[in-house]
Amino acid sequence: MTWLEIEPPSTDEYDSYYQGYVDKVEGRQLSLILRQQRAKVLELLDGLSEEQAVYRYAPEKWSIKEVLGHLIDTERVFAYRAMSIARGEAQSLPGFDQDEYVQVGDFDQRSVESLRTEYEAVRNASIAFFESLDEASWRKTGTANDVTVSVRAIGYIVPGHEAHHLGILRERYLESEE
């Protein structure tokens, strides 16, 4: 397969809040990066017991299941934003409260397998969507959470956000249990 190469977005295509996520993306082959991340997450989940999945490194922090639920919800929101902007949506798209989403998501009550299945479905849908875009769509911009963002920036934010949380999972959750 020939991987679609997408040039990184310029800093005027997204809010500075997302800089750290964009910086975590190494390379320009977003479809390949998304597929590689999917494999890493699924591998991580395949070795995770139900007991390990509700671990929190501090009482007020999310459990591993909640982090996974957050990744699923956030990717869904960002994929919707990218689709809306790519299709020419002129209305401002709403923000979302990640903590409230996790709280009402009740992820700790779900099985690891259930979250794994949902994660894989959401990631597969994101890959299919991003692979469907033409060059002009990648350059489109819109407004989400009261800031200008491009489809290209969202294409980088999605894997950057996941890379950020995978790093935290490895450093603060999985290493702590050994």
Protein backbone atom coordinates (compact mmCIF):
# COMPACT_ATOMS: atom_id res chain seq x y z
CA MET A 1 0.00 0.00 0.00
CA THR A 2 1.20 3.52 -0.75
CA TRP A 3 0.76 5.65 2.33
CA LEU A 4 -0.73 9.08 1.95
CA GLU A 5 1.75 11.70 3.12
CA ILE A 6 0.26 14.73 4.83
CA GLU A 7 2.48 17.70 5.58
CA PRO A 8 2.35 18.82 9.21
CA PRO A 9 0.00 21.73 9.87
CA SER A 10 1.32 25.23 10.42
CA THR A 11 0.77 26.73 13.85
CA ASP A 12 -2.03 28.98 12.56
CA GLU A 13 -4.13 25.87 11.76
CA TYR A 14 -4.79 24.95 15.40
CA ASP A 15 -4.86 26.37 18.91
CA SER A 16 -1.53 26.44 20.75
CA TYR A 17 -3.06 24.03 23.32
CA TYR A 18 -2.58 21.24 20.76
CA GLN A 19 1.08 21.97 19.99
CA GLY A 20 2.32 19.18 22.24
CA TYR A 21 0.10 16.67 20.44
CA VAL A 22 1.16 17.78 16.97
CA ASP A 23 4.81 17.61 18.06
CA LYS A 24 4.40 13.96 19.13
CA VAL A 25 3.60 12.82 15.59
CA GLU A 26 6.72 11.51 13.90
CA GLY A 27 6.39 11.30 10.15
CA ARG A 28 3.83 12.35 7.58
CA GLN A 29 2.16 9.04 6.78
CA LEU A 30 -0.87 9.56 9.00
CA SER A 31 -2.71 6.43 7.89
CA LEU A 32 0.30 4.28 8.71
CA ILE A 33 0.79 6.06 12.04
CA LEU A 34 -2.86 5.50 12.99
CA ARG A 35 -2.58 1.81 12.05
CA GLN A 36 0.63 1.36 14.04
CA GLN A 37 -0.91 3.01 17.09
CA ARG A 38 -3.96 0.78 16.79
CA ALA A 39 -1.71 -2.27 16.90
CA LYS A 40 0.12 -0.95 19.99
CA VAL A 41 -3.10 -0.21 21.87
CA LEU A 42 -4.62 -3.57 21.01
CA GLU A 43 -1.44 -5.32 22.13
CA LEU A 44 -1.49 -3.38 25.39
CA LEU A 45 -5.14 -4.32 25.98
CA ASP A 46 -4.62 -7.98 25.12
CA GLY A 47 -2.28 -8.34 28.08
CA LEU A 48 -4.43 -6.41 30.55
CA SER A 49 -6.52 -8.07 33.24
CA GLU A 50 -9.79 -6.58 34.51
CA GLU A 51 -8.07 -5.88 37.83
CA GLN A 52 -5.18 -4.05 36.16
CA ALA A 53 -7.58 -2.04 33.99
CA VAL A 54 -9.21 -0.28 36.96
CA TYR A 55 -5.84 0.73 38.43
CA ARG A 56 -5.32 4.43 39.24
CA TYR A 57 -1.89 5.79 40.13
CA ALA A 58 -3.58 8.36 42.40
CA PRO A 59 -7.14 8.50 43.81
CA GLU A 60 -8.27 11.46 41.67
CA LYS A 61 -6.75 10.14 38.43
CA TRP A 62 -8.55 8.16 35.76
CA SER A 63 -8.27 4.39 35.67
CA ILE A 64 -6.77 2.66 32.65
CA LYS A 65 -10.30 1.88 31.45
CA GLU A 66 -11.22 5.54 31.82
CA VAL A 67 -8.15 6.61 29.86
CA LEU A 68 -9.19 4.23 27.11
CA GLY A 69 -12.74 5.57 27.20
CA HIS A 70 -11.33 9.10 26.98
CA LEU A 71 -9.29 8.12 23.92
CA ILE A 72 -12.39 6.65 22.27
CA ASP A 73 -14.58 9.69 23.03
CA THR A 74 -11.94 12.20 22.01
CA GLU A 75 -11.17 10.47 18.73
CA ARG A 76 -14.89 10.37 17.94
CA VAL A 77 -15.24 14.10 18.64
CA PHE A 78 -12.19 15.00 16.59
CA ALA A 79 -13.17 12.74 13.69
CA TYR A 80 -16.58 14.40 13.66
CA ARG A 81 -14.94 17.81 13.63
CA ALA A 82 -12.67 16.78 10.76
CA MET A 83 -15.60 15.35 8.78
CA SER A 84 -17.74 18.43 9.38
CA ILE A 85 -14.99 20.81 8.32
CA ALA A 86 -14.04 18.68 5.32
CA ARG A 87 -17.67 18.79 4.21
CA GLY A 88 -17.74 22.59 4.48
CA GLU A 89 -19.54 23.12 7.78
CA ALA A 90 -19.69 26.87 8.45
CA GLN A 91 -21.12 26.69 11.97
CA SER A 92 -18.84 26.67 14.98
CA LEU A 93 -18.55 23.15 16.39
CA PRO A 94 -18.91 22.76 20.16
CA GLY A 95 -16.23 21.89 22.66
CA PHE A 96 -16.65 19.10 25.20
CA ASP A 97 -15.77 18.56 28.84
CA GLN A 98 -13.44 15.56 28.90
CA ASP A 99 -13.80 15.05 32.64
CA GLU A 100 -17.59 15.05 32.47
CA TYR A 101 -17.52 12.63 29.52
CA VAL A 102 -15.31 10.23 31.49
CA GLN A 103 -17.45 10.57 34.60
CA VAL A 104 -20.71 9.72 32.82
CA GLY A 105 -19.06 7.18 30.50
CA ASP A 106 -18.99 4.63 33.33
CA PHE A 107 -16.00 2.95 31.69
CA ASP A 108 -14.90 1.05 34.81
CA GLN A 109 -18.15 -0.93 34.66
CA ARG A 110 -17.35 -2.22 31.17
CA SER A 111 -15.09 -5.11 30.30
CA VAL A 112 -11.68 -4.61 28.78
CA GLU A 113 -12.93 -6.61 25.78
CA SER A 114 -15.88 -4.26 25.29
CA LEU A 115 -13.62 -1.20 25.36
CA ARG A 116 -11.13 -2.93 23.07
CA THR A 117 -13.87 -3.65 20.52
CA GLU A 118 -15.14 -0.08 20.62
CA TYR A 119 -11.63 1.39 20.40
CA GLU A 120 -10.85 -0.73 17.36
CA ALA A 121 -14.12 0.24 15.65
CA VAL A 122 -13.56 3.96 16.26
CA ARG A 123 -9.94 3.82 15.09
CA ASN A 124 -10.91 1.83 11.98
CA ALA A 125 -13.57 4.41 11.17
CA SER A 126 -11.06 7.25 11.60
CA ILE A 127 -8.56 5.53 9.32
CA ALA A 128 -11.21 4.95 6.65
CA PHE A 129 -12.36 8.56 6.87
CA PHE A 130 -8.89 10.11 6.72
CA GLU A 131 -7.92 7.83 3.82
CA SER A 132 -10.99 9.03 1.91
CA LEU A 133 -9.99 12.70 1.91
CA ASP A 134 -8.66 14.47 -1.14
CA GLU A 135 -5.92 17.10 -0.98
CA ALA A 136 -8.35 20.03 -0.93
CA SER A 137 -10.26 18.57 2.04
CA TRP A 138 -7.10 18.30 4.14
CA ARG A 139 -6.54 22.06 3.77
CA LYS A 140 -10.05 23.15 4.80
CA THR A 141 -10.47 25.06 8.03
CA GLY A 142 -13.39 25.61 10.35
CA THR A 143 -14.16 26.58 13.91
CA ALA A 144 -14.30 24.10 16.78
CA ASN A 145 -14.41 25.02 20.44
CA ASP A 146 -14.21 28.70 19.37
CA VAL A 147 -10.86 28.35 17.58
CA THR A 148 -9.86 27.86 13.96
CA VAL A 149 -8.66 24.38 13.10
CA SER A 150 -7.83 22.61 9.86
CA VAL A 151 -8.66 19.07 8.89
CA ARG A 152 -4.91 18.52 8.51
CA ALA A 153 -4.32 19.71 12.08
CA ILE A 154 -6.98 17.34 13.37
CA GLY A 155 -5.30 14.55 11.41
CA TYR A 156 -2.18 15.22 13.48
CA ILE A 157 -3.93 15.94 16.78
CA VAL A 158 -5.67 12.54 16.85
CA PRO A 159 -2.50 10.40 16.87
CA GLY A 160 -0.62 13.01 18.94
CA HIS A 161 -3.29 12.92 21.63
CA GLU A 162 -3.16 9.14 21.70
CA ALA A 163 0.66 9.14 21.84
CA HIS A 164 0.44 11.51 24.82
CA HIS A 165 -1.86 9.18 26.73
CA LEU A 166 0.04 6.03 25.75
CA GLY A 167 3.13 7.63 27.26
CA ILE A 168 1.28 8.36 30.49
CA LEU A 169 -0.10 4.81 30.58
CA ARG A 170 3.38 3.35 30.21
CA GLU A 171 5.03 5.72 32.71
CA ARG A 172 2.42 6.02 35.45
CA TYR A 173 0.17 2.99 35.17
CA LEU A 174 1.88 -0.02 33.70
CA GLU A 175 5.38 0.56 35.05
CA SER A 176 3.98 1.17 38.53
CA GLU A 177 2.45 -2.28 38.70
CA GLU A 178 5.62 -4.21 38.06
